[in-house]
C-alpha atoms as a PDB file:
ATOM      1  CA  MET A   1      48.810  -2.563  27.853  1.00  0.00           C
ATOM      2  CA  ARG A   2      45.210  -2.257  29.038  1.00  0.00           C
ATOM      3  CA  PRO A   3      42.383  -2.085  26.514  1.00  0.00           C
ATOM      4  CA  VAL A   4      41.297   1.423  25.569  1.00  0.00           C
ATOM      5  CA  VAL A   5      37.734   2.249  26.554  1.00  0.00           C
ATOM      6  CA  CYS A   6      35.710   4.930  24.871  1.00  0.00           C
ATOM      7  CA  THR A   7      35.071   7.645  27.446  1.00  0.00           C
ATOM      8  CA  ASP A   8      33.052  10.173  25.496  1.00  0.00           C
ATOM      9  CA  GLY A   9      30.195   9.766  27.968  1.00  0.00           C
ATOM     10  CA  ALA A  10      27.544   9.066  25.391  1.00  0.00           C
ATOM     11  CA  GLY A  11      24.622   7.324  27.007  1.00  0.00           C
ATOM     12  CA  ALA A  12      26.490   6.914  30.298  1.00  0.00           C
ATOM     13  CA  ALA A  13      24.390   6.912  33.442  1.00  0.00           C
ATOM     14  CA  SER A  14      24.863   9.412  36.234  1.00  0.00           C
ATOM     15  CA  ASP A  15      27.161   8.237  39.025  1.00  0.00           C
ATOM     16  CA  PRO A  16      26.429  10.245  42.219  1.00  0.00           C
ATOM     17  CA  LEU A  17      27.853   7.547  44.501  1.00  0.00           C
ATOM     18  CA  PHE A  18      31.383   7.914  43.139  1.00  0.00           C
ATOM     19  CA  GLY A  19      31.036  11.685  43.311  1.00  0.00           C
ATOM     20  CA  GLY A  20      29.840  11.497  46.921  1.00  0.00           C
ATOM     21  CA  VAL A  21      32.699   9.299  48.071  1.00  0.00           C
ATOM     22  CA  SER A  22      35.232  11.426  46.202  1.00  0.00           C
ATOM     23  CA  GLY A  23      33.717  14.598  47.643  1.00  0.00           C
ATOM     24  CA  ALA A  24      33.808  13.282  51.194  1.00  0.00           C
ATOM     25  CA  TYR A  25      37.449  12.295  50.641  1.00  0.00           C
ATOM     26  CA  LEU A  26      38.409  15.784  49.461  1.00  0.00           C
ATOM     27  CA  GLY A  27      36.355  17.392  52.212  1.00  0.00           C
ATOM     28  CA  LEU A  28      38.175  15.438  54.904  1.00  0.00           C
ATOM     29  CA  LEU A  29      41.532  16.558  53.525  1.00  0.00           C
ATOM     30  CA  LEU A  30      40.552  20.217  53.195  1.00  0.00           C
ATOM     31  CA  ALA A  31      38.735  20.638  56.528  1.00  0.00           C
ATOM     32  CA  PRO A  32      41.796  20.634  58.880  1.00  0.00           C
ATOM     33  CA  PRO A  33      43.602  23.433  56.935  1.00  0.00           C
ATOM     34  CA  VAL A  34      40.387  25.485  57.107  1.00  0.00           C
ATOM     35  CA  VAL A  35      40.272  25.048  60.890  1.00  0.00           C
ATOM     36  CA  LEU A  36      43.940  26.027  61.163  1.00  0.00           C
ATOM     37  CA  GLY A  37      43.234  29.070  59.004  1.00  0.00           C
ATOM     38  CA  LEU A  38      40.347  30.120  61.234  1.00  0.00           C
ATOM     39  CA  GLU A  39      42.537  29.778  64.309  1.00  0.00           C
ATOM     40  CA  TRP A  40      45.296  31.761  62.610  1.00  0.00           C
ATOM     41  CA  ILE A  41      42.976  34.734  62.001  1.00  0.00           C
ATOM     42  CA  GLY A  42      41.847  34.646  65.639  1.00  0.00           C
ATOM     43  CA  VAL A  43      38.675  32.542  65.578  1.00  0.00           C
ATOM     44  CA  THR A  44      38.720  30.440  68.749  1.00  0.00           C
ATOM     45  CA  GLU A  45      35.045  29.820  69.517  1.00  0.00           C
ATOM     46  CA  ALA A  46      34.269  26.112  69.409  1.00  0.00           C
ATOM     47  CA  TRP A  47      30.990  26.614  67.535  1.00  0.00           C
ATOM     48  CA  ALA A  48      32.703  28.659  64.825  1.00  0.00           C
ATOM     49  CA  LEU A  49      35.474  26.094  64.335  1.00  0.00           C
ATOM     50  CA  TYR A  50      32.922  23.278  64.261  1.00  0.00           C
ATOM     51  CA  THR A  51      30.806  25.166  61.729  1.00  0.00           C
ATOM     52  CA  GLY A  52      33.856  25.752  59.553  1.00  0.00           C
ATOM     53  CA  LEU A  53      34.771  22.071  59.808  1.00  0.00           C
ATOM     54  CA  VAL A  54      31.343  20.684  58.943  1.00  0.00           C
ATOM     55  CA  GLY A  55      30.668  23.406  56.392  1.00  0.00           C
ATOM     56  CA  THR A  56      33.890  22.650  54.518  1.00  0.00           C
ATOM     57  CA  VAL A  57      33.188  18.916  54.321  1.00  0.00           C
ATOM     58  CA  ALA A  58      29.579  19.514  53.257  1.00  0.00           C
ATOM     59  CA  ALA A  59      30.410  22.184  50.659  1.00  0.00           C
ATOM     60  CA  VAL A  60      33.297  20.252  49.085  1.00  0.00           C
ATOM     61  CA  THR A  61      31.194  17.080  48.968  1.00  0.00           C
ATOM     62  CA  ALA A  62      28.265  18.858  47.352  1.00  0.00           C
ATOM     63  CA  VAL A  63      30.416  20.542  44.713  1.00  0.00           C
ATOM     64  CA  THR A  64      32.253  17.303  43.882  1.00  0.00           C
ATOM     65  CA  VAL A  65      28.992  15.371  43.565  1.00  0.00           C
ATOM     66  CA  TRP A  66      27.694  18.062  41.203  1.00  0.00           C
ATOM     67  CA  VAL A  67      30.859  17.965  39.106  1.00  0.00           C
ATOM     68  CA  LEU A  68      31.366  14.192  38.942  1.00  0.00           C
ATOM     69  CA  SER A  69      27.857  12.746  38.995  1.00  0.00           C
ATOM     70  CA  GLY A  70      27.294  13.868  35.416  1.00  0.00           C
ATOM     71  CA  ARG A  71      30.744  12.704  34.327  1.00  0.00           C
ATOM     72  CA  PRO A  72      30.813   8.937  35.016  1.00  0.00           C
ATOM     73  CA  THR A  73      33.675   8.482  32.548  1.00  0.00           C
ATOM     74  CA  VAL A  74      36.028  10.109  35.080  1.00  0.00           C
ATOM     75  CA  ALA A  75      35.804   7.010  37.290  1.00  0.00           C
ATOM     76  CA  VAL A  76      36.423   4.765  34.278  1.00  0.00           C
ATOM     77  CA  THR A  77      39.499   6.751  33.271  1.00  0.00           C
ATOM     78  CA  VAL A  78      40.914   6.689  36.818  1.00  0.00           C
ATOM     79  CA  GLY A  79      40.218   2.970  37.163  1.00  0.00           C
ATOM     80  CA  ALA A  80      42.190   2.173  34.015  1.00  0.00           C
ATOM     81  CA  THR A  81      45.496   3.262  35.584  1.00  0.00           C
ATOM     82  CA  ARG A  82      47.413   2.700  38.796  1.00  0.00           C
ATOM     83  CA  SER A  83      46.811   6.351  39.650  1.00  0.00           C
ATOM     84  CA  ARG A  84      43.592   5.102  41.255  1.00  0.00           C
ATOM     85  CA  TRP A  85      45.734   4.308  44.318  1.00  0.00           C
ATOM     86  CA  LEU A  86      47.086   7.870  44.556  1.00  0.00           C
ATOM     87  CA  PRO A  87      44.282   9.003  46.922  1.00  0.00           C
ATOM     88  CA  VAL A  88      45.224   6.155  49.286  1.00  0.00           C
ATOM     89  CA  ALA A  89      48.903   7.165  49.349  1.00  0.00           C
ATOM     90  CA  THR A  90      48.007  10.838  49.722  1.00  0.00           C
ATOM     91  CA  ALA A  91      45.716  10.182  52.692  1.00  0.00           C
ATOM     92  CA  ALA A  92      48.329   7.974  54.381  1.00  0.00           C
ATOM     93  CA  GLY A  93      50.957  10.710  54.055  1.00  0.00           C
ATOM     94  CA  TYR A  94      48.419  13.260  55.285  1.00  0.00           C
ATOM     95  CA  ALA A  95      47.733  11.227  58.434  1.00  0.00           C
ATOM     96  CA  ILE A  96      51.463  10.763  59.074  1.00  0.00           C
ATOM     97  CA  VAL A  97      52.100  14.504  58.784  1.00  0.00           C
ATOM     98  CA  GLY A  98      49.156  15.185  61.082  1.00  0.00           C
ATOM     99  CA  PHE A  99      50.492  12.771  63.685  1.00  0.00           C
ATOM    100  CA  ALA A 100      53.984  14.261  63.476  1.00  0.00           C
ATOM    101  CA  SER A 101      52.588  17.759  64.042  1.00  0.00           C
ATOM    102  CA  LEU A 102      50.320  16.979  66.993  1.00  0.00           C
ATOM    103  CA  GLU A 103      52.378  18.975  69.501  1.00  0.00           C
ATOM    104  CA  MET A 104      52.869  21.972  67.205  1.00  0.00           C
ATOM    105  CA  SER A 105      49.482  22.365  65.553  1.00  0.00           C
ATOM    106  CA  GLY A 106      47.128  21.323  68.355  1.00  0.00           C
ATOM    107  CA  ILE A 107      43.577  20.593  67.242  1.00  0.00           C
ATOM    108  CA  GLY A 108      44.605  20.961  63.593  1.00  0.00           C
ATOM    109  CA  GLY A 109      47.111  18.123  63.920  1.00  0.00           C
ATOM    110  CA  VAL A 110      44.574  15.910  65.674  1.00  0.00           C
ATOM    111  CA  LEU A 111      42.022  16.546  62.943  1.00  0.00           C
ATOM    112  CA  ALA A 112      44.603  15.979  60.215  1.00  0.00           C
ATOM    113  CA  PHE A 113      45.571  12.629  61.728  1.00  0.00           C
ATOM    114  CA  PHE A 114      42.072  11.249  62.238  1.00  0.00           C
ATOM    115  CA  PHE A 115      40.644  12.761  59.075  1.00  0.00           C
ATOM    116  CA  GLY A 116      43.643  11.375  57.212  1.00  0.00           C
ATOM    117  CA  LEU A 117      42.786   7.888  58.478  1.00  0.00           C
ATOM    118  CA  LEU A 118      39.168   8.296  57.412  1.00  0.00           C
ATOM    119  CA  ALA A 119      40.295   9.650  54.046  1.00  0.00           C
ATOM    120  CA  PHE A 120      42.562   6.606  53.704  1.00  0.00           C
ATOM    121  CA  LEU A 121      39.516   4.341  53.921  1.00  0.00           C
ATOM    122  CA  LEU A 122      37.624   6.491  51.434  1.00  0.00           C
ATOM    123  CA  GLY A 123      40.692   6.428  49.167  1.00  0.00           C
ATOM    124  CA  VAL A 124      40.525   2.635  49.143  1.00  0.00           C
ATOM    125  CA  ALA A 125      36.827   2.896  48.276  1.00  0.00           C
ATOM    126  CA  ILE A 126      37.625   5.296  45.412  1.00  0.00           C
ATOM    127  CA  ALA A 127      40.249   2.900  44.033  1.00  0.00           C
ATOM    128  CA  VAL A 128      37.908  -0.100  44.229  1.00  0.00           C
ATOM    129  CA  MET A 129      34.935   1.772  42.788  1.00  0.00           C
ATOM    130  CA  SER A 130      36.900   3.202  39.868  1.00  0.00           C
ATOM    131  CA  GLN A 131      38.451  -0.193  39.129  1.00  0.00           C
ATOM    132  CA  THR A 132      34.993  -1.777  39.156  1.00  0.00           C
ATOM    133  CA  ARG A 133      33.625   0.867  36.792  1.00  0.00           C
ATOM    134  CA  TYR A 134      36.556   0.425  34.418  1.00  0.00           C
ATOM    135  CA  THR A 135      36.066  -3.351  34.449  1.00  0.00           C
ATOM    136  CA  ALA A 136      32.364  -2.979  33.665  1.00  0.00           C
ATOM    137  CA  ALA A 137      33.163  -0.633  30.767  1.00  0.00           C
ATOM    138  CA  VAL A 138      35.933  -2.721  29.214  1.00  0.00           C
ATOM    139  CA  THR A 139      34.013  -6.004  29.402  1.00  0.00           C
ATOM    140  CA  ALA A 140      30.586  -4.644  28.452  1.00  0.00           C
ATOM    141  CA  GLU A 141      30.783  -5.844  24.856  1.00  0.00           C
ATOM    142  CA  ALA A 142      33.603  -8.378  25.170  1.00  0.00           C
ATOM    143  CA  GLU A 143      32.892 -11.963  24.131  1.00  0.00           C
ATOM    144  CA  GLU A 144      32.863 -14.351  27.088  1.00  0.00           C
ATOM    145  CA  LEU A 145      34.973 -17.469  26.575  1.00  0.00           C
ATOM    146  CA  THR A 146      34.389 -19.302  29.834  1.00  0.00           C
ATOM    147  CA  ARG A 147      33.889 -18.693  33.526  1.00  0.00           C
ATOM    148  CA  TRP A 148      34.501 -20.531  36.753  1.00  0.00           C
ATOM    149  CA  ARG A 149      33.693 -19.969  40.411  1.00  0.00           C
ATOM    150  CA  ALA A 150      36.174 -21.017  43.080  1.00  0.00           C
ATOM    151  CA  SER A 151      37.619 -20.081  46.453  1.00  0.00           C
ATOM    152  CA  TRP A 152      41.272 -19.738  47.369  1.00  0.00           C
ATOM    153  CA  PRO A 153      43.234 -23.021  47.645  1.00  0.00           C
ATOM    154  CA  GLU A 154      43.383 -24.391  51.170  1.00  0.00           C
ATOM    155  CA  SER A 155      47.117 -23.728  51.579  1.00  0.00           C
ATOM    156  CA  ALA A 156      46.733 -20.085  50.501  1.00  0.00           C
ATOM    157  CA  GLN A 157      43.818 -19.601  52.892  1.00  0.00           C
ATOM    158  CA  ARG A 158      45.903 -20.969  55.764  1.00  0.00           C
ATOM    159  CA  ARG A 159      48.700 -18.491  54.992  1.00  0.00           C
ATOM    160  CA  ARG A 160      46.276 -15.594  54.909  1.00  0.00           C
ATOM    161  CA  LEU A 161      44.672 -16.645  58.184  1.00  0.00           C
ATOM    162  CA  PHE A 162      48.101 -16.928  59.815  1.00  0.00           C
ATOM    163  CA  ILE A 163      49.273 -13.538  58.586  1.00  0.00           C
ATOM    164  CA  GLY A 164      45.963 -11.840  59.324  1.00  0.00           C
ATOM    165  CA  GLY A 165      45.841 -13.328  62.825  1.00  0.00           C
ATOM    166  CA  ALA A 166      49.420 -12.277  63.525  1.00  0.00           C
ATOM    167  CA  VAL A 167      48.752  -8.707  62.400  1.00  0.00           C
ATOM    168  CA  ALA A 168      45.555  -8.500  64.472  1.00  0.00           C
ATOM    169  CA  CYS A 169      47.321  -9.883  67.566  1.00  0.00           C
ATOM    170  CA  VAL A 170      50.234  -7.456  67.215  1.00  0.00           C
ATOM    171  CA  ALA A 171      47.733  -4.609  66.845  1.00  0.00           C
ATOM    172  CA  ILE A 172      45.799  -5.621  69.980  1.00  0.00           C
ATOM    173  CA  VAL A 173      48.943  -6.084  72.064  1.00  0.00           C
ATOM    174  CA  GLY A 174      50.413  -2.823  70.808  1.00  0.00           C
ATOM    175  CA  PHE A 175      47.252  -0.913  71.608  1.00  0.00           C
ATOM    176  CA  ALA A 176      47.026  -2.480  75.092  1.00  0.00           C
ATOM    177  CA  VAL A 177      50.665  -1.683  75.900  1.00  0.00           C
ATOM    178  CA  GLY A 178      50.218   1.845  74.586  1.00  0.00           C
ATOM    179  CA  ALA A 179      47.119   2.335  76.746  1.00  0.00           C
ATOM    180  CA  VAL A 180      48.778   1.010  79.910  1.00  0.00           C
ATOM    181  CA  PHE A 181      51.976   3.030  79.519  1.00  0.00           C
ATOM    182  CA  ASP A 182      50.322   6.008  77.823  1.00  0.00           C
ATOM    183  CA  ILE A 183      52.282   5.664  74.581  1.00  0.00           C
ATOM    184  CA  ALA A 184      50.187   7.374  71.927  1.00  0.00           C
ATOM    185  CA  LEU A 185      52.199   6.014  68.997  1.00  0.00           C
ATOM    186  CA  LEU A 186      51.484   2.405  69.981  1.00  0.00           C
ATOM    187  CA  GLN A 187      47.810   3.130  70.474  1.00  0.00           C
ATOM    188  CA  TYR A 188      47.428   4.791  67.088  1.00  0.00           C
ATOM    189  CA  THR A 189      49.498   2.102  65.360  1.00  0.00           C
ATOM    190  CA  GLY A 190      47.341  -0.618  66.892  1.00  0.00           C
ATOM    191  CA  GLN A 191      44.186   1.142  65.700  1.00  0.00           C
ATOM    192  CA  VAL A 192      45.547   1.315  62.167  1.00  0.00           C
ATOM    193  CA  LEU A 193      46.905  -2.245  62.019  1.00  0.00           C
ATOM    194  CA  PHE A 194      43.860  -4.040  63.422  1.00  0.00           C
ATOM    195  CA  PRO A 195      41.562  -3.340  60.432  1.00  0.00           C
ATOM    196  CA  SER A 196      44.332  -4.575  58.111  1.00  0.00           C
ATOM    197  CA  GLY A 197      44.548  -7.867  59.965  1.00  0.00           C
ATOM    198  CA  PHE A 198      40.766  -8.181  59.996  1.00  0.00           C
ATOM    199  CA  VAL A 199      40.650  -7.690  56.215  1.00  0.00           C
ATOM    200  CA  LEU A 200      43.193 -10.485  55.734  1.00  0.00           C
ATOM    201  CA  LEU A 201      41.195 -12.764  58.032  1.00  0.00           C
ATOM    202  CA  SER A 202      38.022 -12.165  56.039  1.00  0.00           C
ATOM    203  CA  THR A 203      39.509 -12.743  52.569  1.00  0.00           C
ATOM    204  CA  GLY A 204      39.791 -16.022  50.701  1.00  0.00           C
ATOM    205  CA  GLY A 205      36.128 -16.387  49.845  1.00  0.00           C
ATOM    206  CA  THR A 206      34.636 -17.547  46.589  1.00  0.00           C
ATOM    207  CA  ARG A 207      35.165 -15.406  43.481  1.00  0.00           C
ATOM    208  CA  THR A 208      33.985 -15.723  39.908  1.00  0.00           C
ATOM    209  CA  ALA A 209      36.548 -15.575  37.102  1.00  0.00           C
ATOM    210  CA  VAL A 210      35.273 -14.621  33.662  1.00  0.00           C
ATOM    211  CA  ALA A 211      37.656 -15.152  30.738  1.00  0.00           C
ATOM    212  CA  THR A 212      36.843 -12.822  27.834  1.00  0.00           C
ATOM    213  CA  GLU A 213      38.506 -12.014  24.543  1.00  0.00           C
ATOM    214  CA  ARG A 214      40.014  -8.911  26.153  1.00  0.00           C
ATOM    215  CA  GLY A 215      41.270 -10.423  29.391  1.00  0.00           C
ATOM    216  CA  LEU A 216      40.343 -12.023  32.692  1.00  0.00           C
ATOM    217  CA  GLU A 217      37.721 -10.484  34.946  1.00  0.00           C
ATOM    218  CA  ILE A 218      37.528 -11.314  38.656  1.00  0.00           C
ATOM    219  CA  ARG A 219      34.157 -10.711  40.259  1.00  0.00           C
ATOM    220  CA  LEU A 220      34.091 -10.244  44.017  1.00  0.00           C
ATOM    221  CA  PRO A 221      30.985  -9.648  46.163  1.00  0.00           C
ATOM    222  CA  VAL A 222      31.430  -5.850  46.103  1.00  0.00           C
ATOM    223  CA  ALA A 223      34.020  -5.246  43.384  1.00  0.00           C
ATOM    224  CA  ARG A 224      35.232  -6.275  39.950  1.00  0.00           C
ATOM    225  CA  ARG A 225      38.809  -6.415  38.677  1.00  0.00           C
ATOM    226  CA  PHE A 226      40.143  -6.737  35.166  1.00  0.00           C
ATOM    227  CA  TYR A 227      43.481  -8.087  33.936  1.00  0.00           C
ATOM    228  CA  ALA A 228      44.338  -7.780  30.245  1.00  0.00           C
ATOM    229  CA  TRP A 229      45.949 -10.909  28.806  1.00  0.00           C
ATOM    230  CA  ASP A 230      49.286  -9.132  28.385  1.00  0.00           C
ATOM    231  CA  GLU A 231      49.278  -8.357  32.116  1.00  0.00           C
ATOM    232  CA  LEU A 232      49.277 -12.098  32.844  1.00  0.00           C
ATOM    233  CA  GLU A 233      52.369 -14.208  32.319  1.00  0.00           C
ATOM    234  CA  SER A 234      51.594 -17.917  32.754  1.00  0.00           C
ATOM    235  CA  TYR A 235      49.431 -20.421  34.554  1.00  0.00           C
ATOM    236  CA  ASP A 236      50.035 -23.579  36.550  1.00  0.00           C
ATOM    237  CA  LEU A 237      47.439 -26.253  37.270  1.00  0.00           C
ATOM    238  CA  ASP A 238      47.634 -29.163  39.694  1.00  0.00           C
ATOM    239  CA  ALA A 239      45.252 -31.194  41.816  1.00  0.00           C
ATOM    240  CA  GLU A 240      45.028 -28.507  44.497  1.00  0.00           C
ATOM    241  CA  SER A 241      45.172 -25.161  42.740  1.00  0.00           C
ATOM    242  CA  LEU A 242      45.048 -23.158  39.543  1.00  0.00           C
ATOM    243  CA  VAL A 243      47.614 -20.362  39.771  1.00  0.00           C
ATOM    244  CA  ILE A 244      47.711 -17.540  37.232  1.00  0.00           C
ATOM    245  CA  THR A 245      50.953 -15.578  37.439  1.00  0.00           C
ATOM    246  CA  ARG A 246      50.804 -11.834  36.869  1.00  0.00           C
ATOM    247  CA  LYS A 247      53.720  -9.857  35.448  1.00  0.00           C
ATOM    248  CA  TRP A 248      53.290  -7.394  38.294  1.00  0.00           C
ATOM    249  CA  GLY A 249      51.504  -8.003  41.579  1.00  0.00           C
ATOM    250  CA  THR A 250      50.280 -11.052  43.443  1.00  0.00           C
ATOM    251  CA  ASP A 251      49.252 -14.224  41.629  1.00  0.00           C
ATOM    252  CA  LEU A 252      45.628 -15.258  41.163  1.00  0.00           C
ATOM    253  CA  ARG A 253      44.871 -18.526  42.936  1.00  0.00           C
ATOM    254  CA  PHE A 254      41.825 -20.797  42.702  1.00  0.00           C
ATOM    255  CA  ALA A 255      40.967 -24.138  44.301  1.00  0.00           C
ATOM    256  CA  THR A 256      40.924 -26.701  41.489  1.00  0.00           C
ATOM    257  CA  ALA A 257      38.239 -28.807  43.181  1.00  0.00           C
ATOM    258  CA  ASP A 258      35.792 -25.868  43.026  1.00  0.00           C
ATOM    259  CA  ILE A 259      36.059 -25.403  39.255  1.00  0.00           C
ATOM    260  CA  ASP A 260      33.220 -27.121  37.405  1.00  0.00           C
ATOM    261  CA  ASP A 261      34.954 -27.490  34.030  1.00  0.00           C
ATOM    262  CA  VAL A 262      38.706 -27.538  34.660  1.00  0.00           C
ATOM    263  CA  SER A 263      39.539 -28.676  31.130  1.00  0.00           C
ATOM    264  CA  LEU A 264      37.720 -25.737  29.528  1.00  0.00           C
ATOM    265  CA  ALA A 265      39.382 -23.273  31.897  1.00  0.00           C
ATOM    266  CA  GLU A 266      42.801 -24.777  31.159  1.00  0.00           C
ATOM    267  CA  TRP A 267      42.200 -24.725  27.407  1.00  0.00           C
ATOM    268  CA  THR A 268      41.212 -21.058  27.511  1.00  0.00           C
ATOM    269  CA  LEU A 269      44.326 -20.134  29.496  1.00  0.00           C
ATOM    270  CA  ALA A 270      46.593 -22.308  27.351  1.00  0.00           C
ATOM    271  CA  GLU A 271      45.441 -20.442  24.234  1.00  0.00           C
ATOM    272  CA  ARG A 272      46.645 -17.142  25.697  1.00  0.00           C
ATOM    273  CA  LEU A 273      49.265 -17.886  28.347  1.00  0.00           C
ATOM    274  CA  SER A 274      52.263 -20.170  28.648  1.00  0.00           C
ATOM    275  CA  ASP A 275      52.107 -23.242  30.880  1.00  0.00           C
ATOM    276  CA  GLY A 276      54.231 -22.429  33.946  1.00  0.00           C
END
């Protein structure tokens, strides 16, 4: 069970960035139905539809920023649970529905598909930002036991490069075939898959692990993650890698050669986890 963080908001700083990203996300999801509604009541002028589109995104973003910027504890609360990934799943389903309705809904379906893809990216940003804010809150006053800085083990980096390269190649080939034979599904699929492969190719860099009394924090260049000790199962250490096994999700892997004080890191883990 994750540590409980006080979320009464006392002394918390304003957080307009999270509100802005969340507002843009909601605006992208609400804009296509507004355009469909305008078309349904007989509005067909391009300028009017464009105004409705931009106005909806701007208004929803502004209202959400106003609501959330003064309530930074909302991001902390969302980041403490797996519900932080709900916006990602919602946007993916939204894009799929938009693609499936392209022939029936016209411009509304096109907007739903592309805005759904953009909302998917913003949903990922919301999940990462809320997780980072939760991590900062839960570790703010936690006693630090030790820390180490290390990249992924060489074998794990090779696997990621192979998988990322394969995904990127499939995406490029699929897009090219779709463009030559005018197959929209292949083109759209290639556009969606390529960023995923690129992300895998760019991962595996150095991260900082901070072991605290409450759990293990992983600090990335633009994000922070927190794993309570009861979310971790065991650890395994050899000459190449330190692997921390999670009860749910992928394992945490570090190159042993990059860790300055391996014995201290092992002692800290041994006090709280079983030796796998």
